[in-house]
PDB file of N, CA and C in Angstrom:
ATOM      1  N   MET A   1      16.474  25.193  -2.018  1.00  0.00           N
ATOM      2  CA  MET A   1      14.935  25.431  -1.996  1.00  0.00           C
ATOM      3  C   MET A   1      14.033  24.689  -2.421  1.00  0.00           C
ATOM      4  N   LEU A   2      14.568  23.541  -3.872  1.00  0.00           N
ATOM      5  CA  LEU A   2      13.128  22.292  -3.725  1.00  0.00           C
ATOM      6  C   LEU A   2      13.824  22.043  -2.784  1.00  0.00           C
ATOM      7  N   LYS A   3      14.843  21.466  -2.397  1.00  0.00           N
ATOM      8  CA  LYS A   3      15.127  20.015  -1.543  1.00  0.00           C
ATOM      9  C   LYS A   3      14.264  20.506  -0.079  1.00  0.00           C
ATOM     10  N   THR A   4      14.484  21.871   0.749  1.00  0.00           N
ATOM     11  CA  THR A   4      13.898  22.761   1.713  1.00  0.00           C
ATOM     12  C   THR A   4      12.239  22.059   1.695  1.00  0.00           C
ATOM     13  N   ILE A   5      11.607  22.389   0.509  1.00  0.00           N
ATOM     14  CA  ILE A   5      10.336  21.890   0.550  1.00  0.00           C
ATOM     15  C   ILE A   5       9.906  20.366   0.559  1.00  0.00           C
ATOM     16  N   ALA A   6      10.626  19.731  -0.195  1.00  0.00           N
ATOM     17  CA  ALA A   6      10.886  18.288  -0.759  1.00  0.00           C
ATOM     18  C   ALA A   6      10.853  17.473   0.924  1.00  0.00           C
ATOM     19  N   ALA A   7      11.885  18.158   1.607  1.00  0.00           N
ATOM     20  CA  ALA A   7      11.773  17.326   3.136  1.00  0.00           C
ATOM     21  C   ALA A   7      10.621  18.125   4.032  1.00  0.00           C
ATOM     22  N   LEU A   8      10.449  19.360   3.751  1.00  0.00           N
ATOM     23  CA  LEU A   8       9.026  19.985   4.819  1.00  0.00           C
ATOM     24  C   LEU A   8       8.036  18.922   4.290  1.00  0.00           C
ATOM     25  N   ALA A   9       7.740  18.483   3.239  1.00  0.00           N
ATOM     26  CA  ALA A   9       6.581  17.504   2.642  1.00  0.00           C
ATOM     27  C   ALA A   9       6.726  16.212   3.601  1.00  0.00           C
ATOM     28  N   LEU A  10       8.029  15.656   3.044  1.00  0.00           N
ATOM     29  CA  LEU A  10       8.417  14.122   3.948  1.00  0.00           C
ATOM     30  C   LEU A  10       8.092  14.177   4.860  1.00  0.00           C
ATOM     31  N   VAL A  11       8.475  15.038   5.943  1.00  0.00           N
ATOM     32  CA  VAL A  11       7.953  15.455   7.188  1.00  0.00           C
ATOM     33  C   VAL A  11       6.599  15.760   7.709  1.00  0.00           C
ATOM     34  N   GLY A  12       5.943  16.642   6.885  1.00  0.00           N
ATOM     35  CA  GLY A  12       4.362  16.499   7.325  1.00  0.00           C
ATOM     36  C   GLY A  12       3.811  15.352   7.093  1.00  0.00           C
ATOM     37  N   VAL A  13       4.319  14.057   6.328  1.00  0.00           N
ATOM     38  CA  VAL A  13       3.790  13.068   5.718  1.00  0.00           C
ATOM     39  C   VAL A  13       3.792  12.121   7.386  1.00  0.00           C
ATOM     40  N   GLY A  14       5.100  12.208   7.738  1.00  0.00           N
ATOM     41  CA  GLY A  14       5.259  11.537   9.449  1.00  0.00           C
ATOM     42  C   GLY A  14       4.634  11.671  10.076  1.00  0.00           C
ATOM     43  N   PHE A  15       3.268  13.246  10.062  1.00  0.00           N
ATOM     44  CA  PHE A  15       2.420  13.542  11.361  1.00  0.00           C
ATOM     45  C   PHE A  15       1.281  12.552  10.903  1.00  0.00           C
ATOM     46  N   LEU A  16       0.728  12.378   9.547  1.00  0.00           N
ATOM     47  CA  LEU A  16      -0.046  11.656   9.233  1.00  0.00           C
ATOM     48  C   LEU A  16      -0.532  10.597  10.297  1.00  0.00           C
ATOM     49  N   SER A  17      -1.546   9.837  10.826  1.00  0.00           N
ATOM     50  CA  SER A  17      -2.034   8.536  11.451  1.00  0.00           C
ATOM     51  C   SER A  17      -2.327   7.420  10.054  1.00  0.00           C
ATOM     52  N   GLY A  18      -2.090   6.340  11.158  1.00  0.00           N
ATOM     53  CA  GLY A  18      -2.571   5.314   9.695  1.00  0.00           C
ATOM     54  C   GLY A  18      -4.135   5.804   8.996  1.00  0.00           C
ATOM     55  N   PRO A  19      -5.343   5.861  10.100  1.00  0.00           N
ATOM     56  CA  PRO A  19      -6.568   5.847   9.196  1.00  0.00           C
ATOM     57  C   PRO A  19      -6.376   7.304   8.341  1.00  0.00           C
ATOM     58  N   ALA A  20      -5.755   8.152   8.502  1.00  0.00           N
ATOM     59  CA  ALA A  20      -5.399   9.084   7.562  1.00  0.00           C
ATOM     60  C   ALA A  20      -5.008   8.849   6.125  1.00  0.00           C
ATOM     61  N   LEU A  21      -3.764   8.156   6.210  1.00  0.00           N
ATOM     62  CA  LEU A  21      -3.065   7.452   5.659  1.00  0.00           C
ATOM     63  C   LEU A  21      -4.085   6.766   4.408  1.00  0.00           C
ATOM     64  N   ALA A  22      -5.183   5.433   5.003  1.00  0.00           N
ATOM     65  CA  ALA A  22      -5.739   4.911   4.106  1.00  0.00           C
ATOM     66  C   ALA A  22      -6.332   5.391   3.378  1.00  0.00           C
ATOM     67  N   ASP A  23      -6.615   6.594   3.323  1.00  0.00           N
ATOM     68  CA  ASP A  23      -7.740   7.459   2.458  1.00  0.00           C
ATOM     69  C   ASP A  23      -6.695   7.973   1.657  1.00  0.00           C
ATOM     70  N   GLU A  24      -5.680   7.926   1.827  1.00  0.00           N
ATOM     71  CA  GLU A  24      -4.362   8.828   0.437  1.00  0.00           C
ATOM     72  C   GLU A  24      -4.721   8.136  -0.770  1.00  0.00           C
ATOM     73  N   SER A  25      -4.842   8.761  -1.922  1.00  0.00           N
ATOM     74  CA  SER A  25      -4.613   7.743  -3.103  1.00  0.00           C
ATOM     75  C   SER A  25      -3.093   8.378  -3.452  1.00  0.00           C
ATOM     76  N   GLY A  26      -2.668   7.800  -4.724  1.00  0.00           N
ATOM     77  CA  GLY A  26      -1.426   7.959  -5.304  1.00  0.00           C
ATOM     78  C   GLY A  26      -0.415   7.188  -4.696  1.00  0.00           C
ATOM     79  N   ALA A  27       0.748   8.004  -5.151  1.00  0.00           N
ATOM     80  CA  ALA A  27       2.370   7.426  -4.730  1.00  0.00           C
ATOM     81  C   ALA A  27       2.025   6.930  -3.059  1.00  0.00           C
ATOM     82  N   ILE A  28       1.626   8.044  -1.945  1.00  0.00           N
ATOM     83  CA  ILE A  28       1.181   7.624  -0.641  1.00  0.00           C
ATOM     84  C   ILE A  28       0.114   7.015  -0.200  1.00  0.00           C
ATOM     85  N   GLY A  29      -0.661   6.391  -1.022  1.00  0.00           N
ATOM     86  CA  GLY A  29      -1.799   5.341  -0.572  1.00  0.00           C
ATOM     87  C   GLY A  29      -0.921   3.914  -0.775  1.00  0.00           C
ATOM     88  N   CYS A  30      -0.009   3.713  -1.942  1.00  0.00           N
ATOM     89  CA  CYS A  30       0.214   2.863  -2.623  1.00  0.00           C
ATOM     90  C   CYS A  30       1.345   2.395  -1.714  1.00  0.00           C
ATOM     91  N   MET A  31       2.228   3.505  -0.831  1.00  0.00           N
ATOM     92  CA  MET A  31       3.131   2.872  -0.136  1.00  0.00           C
ATOM     93  C   MET A  31       2.930   2.547   1.180  1.00  0.00           C
ATOM     94  N   HIS A  32       1.953   3.199   1.724  1.00  0.00           N
ATOM     95  CA  HIS A  32       0.961   2.703   3.463  1.00  0.00           C
ATOM     96  C   HIS A  32       0.714   1.289   2.408  1.00  0.00           C
ATOM     97  N   MET A  33      -0.185   0.926   1.672  1.00  0.00           N
ATOM     98  CA  MET A  33      -1.339   0.126   1.855  1.00  0.00           C
ATOM     99  C   MET A  33       0.250  -1.010   1.237  1.00  0.00           C
ATOM    100  N   GLN A  34       1.398  -0.697   0.738  1.00  0.00           N
ATOM    101  CA  GLN A  34       2.517  -2.074   0.233  1.00  0.00           C
ATOM    102  C   GLN A  34       2.747  -2.473   1.592  1.00  0.00           C
ATOM    103  N   LYS A  35       2.758  -1.735   2.636  1.00  0.00           N
ATOM    104  CA  LYS A  35       3.598  -1.614   3.714  1.00  0.00           C
ATOM    105  C   LYS A  35       2.702  -2.733   4.294  1.00  0.00           C
ATOM    106  N   GLN A  36       1.259  -2.177   4.836  1.00  0.00           N
ATOM    107  CA  GLN A  36       0.181  -3.190   5.788  1.00  0.00           C
ATOM    108  C   GLN A  36       0.035  -4.146   4.792  1.00  0.00           C
ATOM    109  N   LEU A  37       0.265  -4.436   3.332  1.00  0.00           N
ATOM    110  CA  LEU A  37       0.479  -5.826   2.955  1.00  0.00           C
ATOM    111  C   LEU A  37       1.306  -6.625   3.110  1.00  0.00           C
ATOM    112  N   SER A  38       2.835  -6.236   3.123  1.00  0.00           N
ATOM    113  CA  SER A  38       3.531  -6.631   3.338  1.00  0.00           C
ATOM    114  C   SER A  38       3.985  -7.470   4.743  1.00  0.00           C
ATOM    115  N   LYS A  39       3.105  -6.772   5.645  1.00  0.00           N
ATOM    116  CA  LYS A  39       2.973  -7.731   7.194  1.00  0.00           C
ATOM    117  C   LYS A  39       1.634  -8.561   7.203  1.00  0.00           C
ATOM    118  N   ALA A  40       0.764  -8.177   6.018  1.00  0.00           N
ATOM    119  CA  ALA A  40      -0.213  -9.300   6.410  1.00  0.00           C
ATOM    120  C   ALA A  40       0.121 -10.600   5.373  1.00  0.00           C
ATOM    121  N   LEU A  41       1.031 -10.180   4.365  1.00  0.00           N
ATOM    122  CA  LEU A  41       1.853 -11.765   3.861  1.00  0.00           C
ATOM    123  C   LEU A  41       2.591 -12.407   4.844  1.00  0.00           C
ATOM    124  N   ASP A  42       3.141 -11.698   5.565  1.00  0.00           N
ATOM    125  CA  ASP A  42       4.358 -12.510   6.380  1.00  0.00           C
ATOM    126  C   ASP A  42       3.599 -13.022   7.843  1.00  0.00           C
ATOM    127  N   ALA A  43       2.109 -12.258   8.358  1.00  0.00           N
ATOM    128  CA  ALA A  43       1.414 -13.130   8.823  1.00  0.00           C
ATOM    129  C   ALA A  43       0.427 -14.096   8.760  1.00  0.00           C
ATOM    130  N   ASN A  44       0.285 -14.431   7.364  1.00  0.00           N
ATOM    131  CA  ASN A  44      -0.533 -15.227   6.635  1.00  0.00           C
ATOM    132  C   ASN A  44      -0.406 -16.112   5.604  1.00  0.00           C
ATOM    133  N   GLN A  45       0.568 -16.494   6.014  1.00  0.00           N
ATOM    134  CA  GLN A  45       1.305 -17.453   4.762  1.00  0.00           C
ATOM    135  C   GLN A  45       0.830 -19.177   5.009  1.00  0.00           C
ATOM    136  N   GLN A  46       0.132 -19.353   5.520  1.00  0.00           N
ATOM    137  CA  GLN A  46      -0.634 -20.377   5.730  1.00  0.00           C
ATOM    138  C   GLN A  46      -2.220 -20.723   4.705  1.00  0.00           C
ATOM    139  N   SER A  47      -2.433 -19.058   4.235  1.00  0.00           N
ATOM    140  CA  SER A  47      -3.530 -18.324   3.653  1.00  0.00           C
ATOM    141  C   SER A  47      -3.640 -19.548   2.817  1.00  0.00           C
ATOM    142  N   PRO A  48      -4.938 -20.106   1.977  1.00  0.00           N
ATOM    143  CA  PRO A  48      -5.158 -21.023   0.611  1.00  0.00           C
ATOM    144  C   PRO A  48      -5.020 -19.431  -0.141  1.00  0.00           C
ATOM    145  N   SER A  49      -5.843 -18.431   0.201  1.00  0.00           N
ATOM    146  CA  SER A  49      -5.389 -17.281  -0.816  1.00  0.00           C
ATOM    147  C   SER A  49      -3.664 -16.568  -0.353  1.00  0.00           C
ATOM    148  N   TYR A  50      -2.646 -17.250   0.019  1.00  0.00           N
ATOM    149  CA  TYR A  50      -1.919 -16.819   0.042  1.00  0.00           C
ATOM    150  C   TYR A  50      -1.010 -16.526  -1.521  1.00  0.00           C
ATOM    151  N   SER A  51      -1.115 -17.263  -2.441  1.00  0.00           N
ATOM    152  CA  SER A  51      -0.351 -16.857  -3.679  1.00  0.00           C
ATOM    153  C   SER A  51      -0.954 -16.010  -4.011  1.00  0.00           C
ATOM    154  N   ASP A  52      -2.377 -16.089  -4.666  1.00  0.00           N
ATOM    155  CA  ASP A  52      -2.757 -15.087  -4.773  1.00  0.00           C
ATOM    156  C   ASP A  52      -2.825 -13.876  -4.419  1.00  0.00           C
ATOM    157  N   ALA A  53      -2.786 -13.531  -3.677  1.00  0.00           N
ATOM    158  CA  ALA A  53      -2.662 -12.431  -2.418  1.00  0.00           C
ATOM    159  C   ALA A  53      -1.186 -11.836  -2.665  1.00  0.00           C
ATOM    160  N   THR A  54      -0.542 -12.990  -3.101  1.00  0.00           N
ATOM    161  CA  THR A  54       1.029 -12.735  -3.097  1.00  0.00           C
ATOM    162  C   THR A  54       1.450 -11.887  -4.573  1.00  0.00           C
ATOM    163  N   ASN A  55       0.531 -12.565  -6.049  1.00  0.00           N
ATOM    164  CA  ASN A  55       0.398 -12.368  -7.122  1.00  0.00           C
ATOM    165  C   ASN A  55      -0.455 -10.657  -7.326  1.00  0.00           C
ATOM    166  N   LEU A  56      -1.347 -10.571  -6.623  1.00  0.00           N
ATOM    167  CA  LEU A  56      -2.056  -9.506  -6.800  1.00  0.00           C
ATOM    168  C   LEU A  56      -1.313  -8.082  -6.480  1.00  0.00           C
ATOM    169  N   SER A  57      -0.321  -8.772  -4.870  1.00  0.00           N
ATOM    170  CA  SER A  57       0.734  -7.665  -4.673  1.00  0.00           C
ATOM    171  C   SER A  57       2.205  -7.615  -5.626  1.00  0.00           C
ATOM    172  N   ARG A  58       2.412  -8.054  -5.865  1.00  0.00           N
ATOM    173  CA  ARG A  58       3.099  -8.335  -7.285  1.00  0.00           C
ATOM    174  C   ARG A  58       2.851  -6.935  -7.800  1.00  0.00           C
ATOM    175  N   THR A  59       1.553  -7.669  -9.190  1.00  0.00           N
ATOM    176  CA  THR A  59       0.943  -6.698 -10.099  1.00  0.00           C
ATOM    177  C   THR A  59       0.830  -5.528  -9.160  1.00  0.00           C
ATOM    178  N   GLY A  60      -0.333  -5.139  -8.190  1.00  0.00           N
ATOM    179  CA  GLY A  60      -0.056  -3.623  -7.495  1.00  0.00           C
ATOM    180  C   GLY A  60       1.085  -2.531  -7.550  1.00  0.00           C
ATOM    181  N   THR A  61       1.739  -3.454  -6.911  1.00  0.00           N
ATOM    182  CA  THR A  61       3.395  -2.834  -6.691  1.00  0.00           C
ATOM    183  C   THR A  61       3.277  -2.419  -8.060  1.00  0.00           C
ATOM    184  N   GLU A  62       3.661  -3.286  -8.988  1.00  0.00           N
ATOM    185  CA  GLU A  62       4.240  -2.651 -10.366  1.00  0.00           C
ATOM    186  C   GLU A  62       3.718  -1.534 -10.929  1.00  0.00           C
ATOM    187  N   LEU A  63       2.127  -1.628 -10.577  1.00  0.00           N
ATOM    188  CA  LEU A  63       0.944  -0.853 -10.984  1.00  0.00           C
ATOM    189  C   LEU A  63       1.129   0.602 -10.591  1.00  0.00           C
ATOM    190  N   CYS A  64       1.538   0.576  -9.000  1.00  0.00           N
ATOM    191  CA  CYS A  64       1.753   2.037  -8.412  1.00  0.00           C
ATOM    192  C   CYS A  64       3.126   2.501  -8.945  1.00  0.00           C
ATOM    193  N   ALA A  65       4.044   1.276  -8.993  1.00  0.00           N
ATOM    194  CA  ALA A  65       5.353   1.732  -9.696  1.00  0.00           C
ATOM    195  C   ALA A  65       5.494   2.830 -11.133  1.00  0.00           C
ATOM    196  N   SER A  66       4.627   2.296 -11.935  1.00  0.00           N
ATOM    197  CA  SER A  66       4.592   2.880 -13.272  1.00  0.00           C
ATOM    198  C   SER A  66       3.631   3.798 -12.997  1.00  0.00           C
ATOM    199  N   GLY A  67       3.014   4.284 -11.916  1.00  0.00           N
ATOM    200  CA  GLY A  67       2.347   6.082 -11.741  1.00  0.00           C
ATOM    201  C   GLY A  67       0.660   5.439 -12.423  1.00  0.00           C
ATOM    202  N   LEU A  68       0.424   4.184 -11.643  1.00  0.00           N
ATOM    203  CA  LEU A  68      -0.789   3.804 -12.199  1.00  0.00           C
ATOM    204  C   LEU A  68      -1.551   3.577 -11.026  1.00  0.00           C
ATOM    205  N   TYR A  69      -1.632   4.546  -9.817  1.00  0.00           N
ATOM    206  CA  TYR A  69      -2.142   4.294  -8.822  1.00  0.00           C
ATOM    207  C   TYR A  69      -3.404   3.776  -8.073  1.00  0.00           C
ATOM    208  N   ASP A  70      -4.196   4.208  -9.309  1.00  0.00           N
ATOM    209  CA  ASP A  70      -5.737   3.947  -8.411  1.00  0.00           C
ATOM    210  C   ASP A  70      -5.664   2.295  -9.099  1.00  0.00           C
ATOM    211  N   GLN A  71      -5.257   1.661 -10.062  1.00  0.00           N
ATOM    212  CA  GLN A  71      -5.225   0.620 -10.583  1.00  0.00           C
ATOM    213  C   GLN A  71      -4.338  -0.216  -9.656  1.00  0.00           C
ATOM    214  N   GLY A  72      -3.204   0.142  -9.516  1.00  0.00           N
ATOM    215  CA  GLY A  72      -2.420  -0.302  -8.116  1.00  0.00           C
ATOM    216  C   GLY A  72      -3.050  -0.770  -7.227  1.00  0.00           C
ATOM    217  N   LEU A  73      -3.582   0.282  -6.622  1.00  0.00           N
ATOM    218  CA  LEU A  73      -4.363   0.138  -5.448  1.00  0.00           C
ATOM    219  C   LEU A  73      -5.849  -0.561  -5.057  1.00  0.00           C
ATOM    220  N   LYS A  74      -5.830  -0.732  -5.833  1.00  0.00           N
ATOM    221  CA  LYS A  74      -7.531  -1.470  -5.885  1.00  0.00           C
ATOM    222  C   LYS A  74      -6.760  -3.100  -6.126  1.00  0.00           C
ATOM    223  N   ARG A  75      -5.503  -3.188  -6.909  1.00  0.00           N
ATOM    224  CA  ARG A  75      -5.048  -4.810  -6.629  1.00  0.00           C
ATOM    225  C   ARG A  75      -4.372  -5.126  -5.423  1.00  0.00           C
ATOM    226  N   LEU A  76      -3.814  -3.842  -4.785  1.00  0.00           N
ATOM    227  CA  LEU A  76      -3.438  -4.298  -3.422  1.00  0.00           C
ATOM    228  C   LEU A  76      -4.548  -4.279  -2.462  1.00  0.00           C
ATOM    229  N   ALA A  77      -5.450  -3.801  -2.334  1.00  0.00           N
ATOM    230  CA  ALA A  77      -6.542  -3.530  -1.380  1.00  0.00           C
ATOM    231  C   ALA A  77      -7.780  -5.211  -2.139  1.00  0.00           C
ATOM    232  N   LYS A  78      -7.298  -5.535  -2.940  1.00  0.00           N
ATOM    233  CA  LYS A  78      -8.102  -7.117  -3.458  1.00  0.00           C
ATOM    234  C   LYS A  78      -7.236  -8.136  -2.290  1.00  0.00           C
ATOM    235  N   ALA A  79      -5.850  -7.865  -2.555  1.00  0.00           N
ATOM    236  CA  ALA A  79      -4.295  -9.120  -2.150  1.00  0.00           C
ATOM    237  C   ALA A  79      -4.946  -9.006  -0.726  1.00  0.00           C
ATOM    238  N   LEU A  80      -5.174  -7.616   0.027  1.00  0.00           N
ATOM    239  CA  LEU A  80      -5.686  -7.443   1.629  1.00  0.00           C
ATOM    240  C   LEU A  80      -6.809  -8.328   2.066  1.00  0.00           C
ATOM    241  N   SER A  81      -7.893  -8.308   0.960  1.00  0.00           N
ATOM    242  CA  SER A  81      -9.024  -9.072   1.446  1.00  0.00           C
ATOM    243  C   SER A  81      -9.353 -10.138   1.641  1.00  0.00           C
ATOM    244  N   LEU A  82      -8.013 -10.666   0.292  1.00  0.00           N
ATOM    245  CA  LEU A  82      -8.414 -12.243   0.394  1.00  0.00           C
ATOM    246  C   LEU A  82      -7.561 -13.161   1.483  1.00  0.00           C
ATOM    247  N   LEU A  83      -6.484 -12.103   2.115  1.00  0.00           N
ATOM    248  CA  LEU A  83      -6.109 -12.274   3.536  1.00  0.00           C
ATOM    249  C   LEU A  83      -6.853 -12.069   4.580  1.00  0.00           C
ATOM    250  N   GLY A  84      -7.961 -11.771   4.653  1.00  0.00           N
ATOM    251  CA  GLY A  84      -8.793 -11.727   5.535  1.00  0.00           C
ATOM    252  C   GLY A  84      -8.600  -9.712   6.103  1.00  0.00           C
ATOM    253  N   VAL A  85      -8.133  -9.403   5.845  1.00  0.00           N
ATOM    254  CA  VAL A  85      -7.250  -7.843   6.695  1.00  0.00           C
ATOM    255  C   VAL A  85      -7.854  -6.615   5.996  1.00  0.00           C
ATOM    256  N   ASN A  86      -8.821  -6.414   6.785  1.00  0.00           N
ATOM    257  CA  ASN A  86      -9.639  -4.813   6.351  1.00  0.00           C
ATOM    258  C   ASN A  86      -8.374  -3.773   6.383  1.00  0.00           C
ATOM    259  N   LYS A  87      -8.680  -2.995   5.341  1.00  0.00           N
ATOM    260  CA  LYS A  87      -7.542  -1.670   4.924  1.00  0.00           C
ATOM    261  C   LYS A  87      -7.628  -1.030   5.744  1.00  0.00           C
ATOM    262  N   SER A  88      -6.201  -0.127   6.559  1.00  0.00           N
ATOM    263  CA  SER A  88      -6.738   0.652   7.453  1.00  0.00           C
ATOM    264  C   SER A  88      -6.180   1.661   7.182  1.00  0.00           C
TER     265      SER A  88
END
């Protein structure tokens, strides 16, 4: 029963659009922003802020993994900002 509920919850997440996920907090928000940041880092390797953004990405990911989602999301958002990417 619990596995069924978890599976349905994951399927439901698949139906959310990008903008809807951007407003998410918690683990889902962290996963979405980490994915967006990964793409931004790949696309902006020559940015003068690349090193700082990478460090913020690492810290944000660690905070999210520790359950400190709000703090992690702030670091991830700052990293995106340093790369000139608006979080979507």
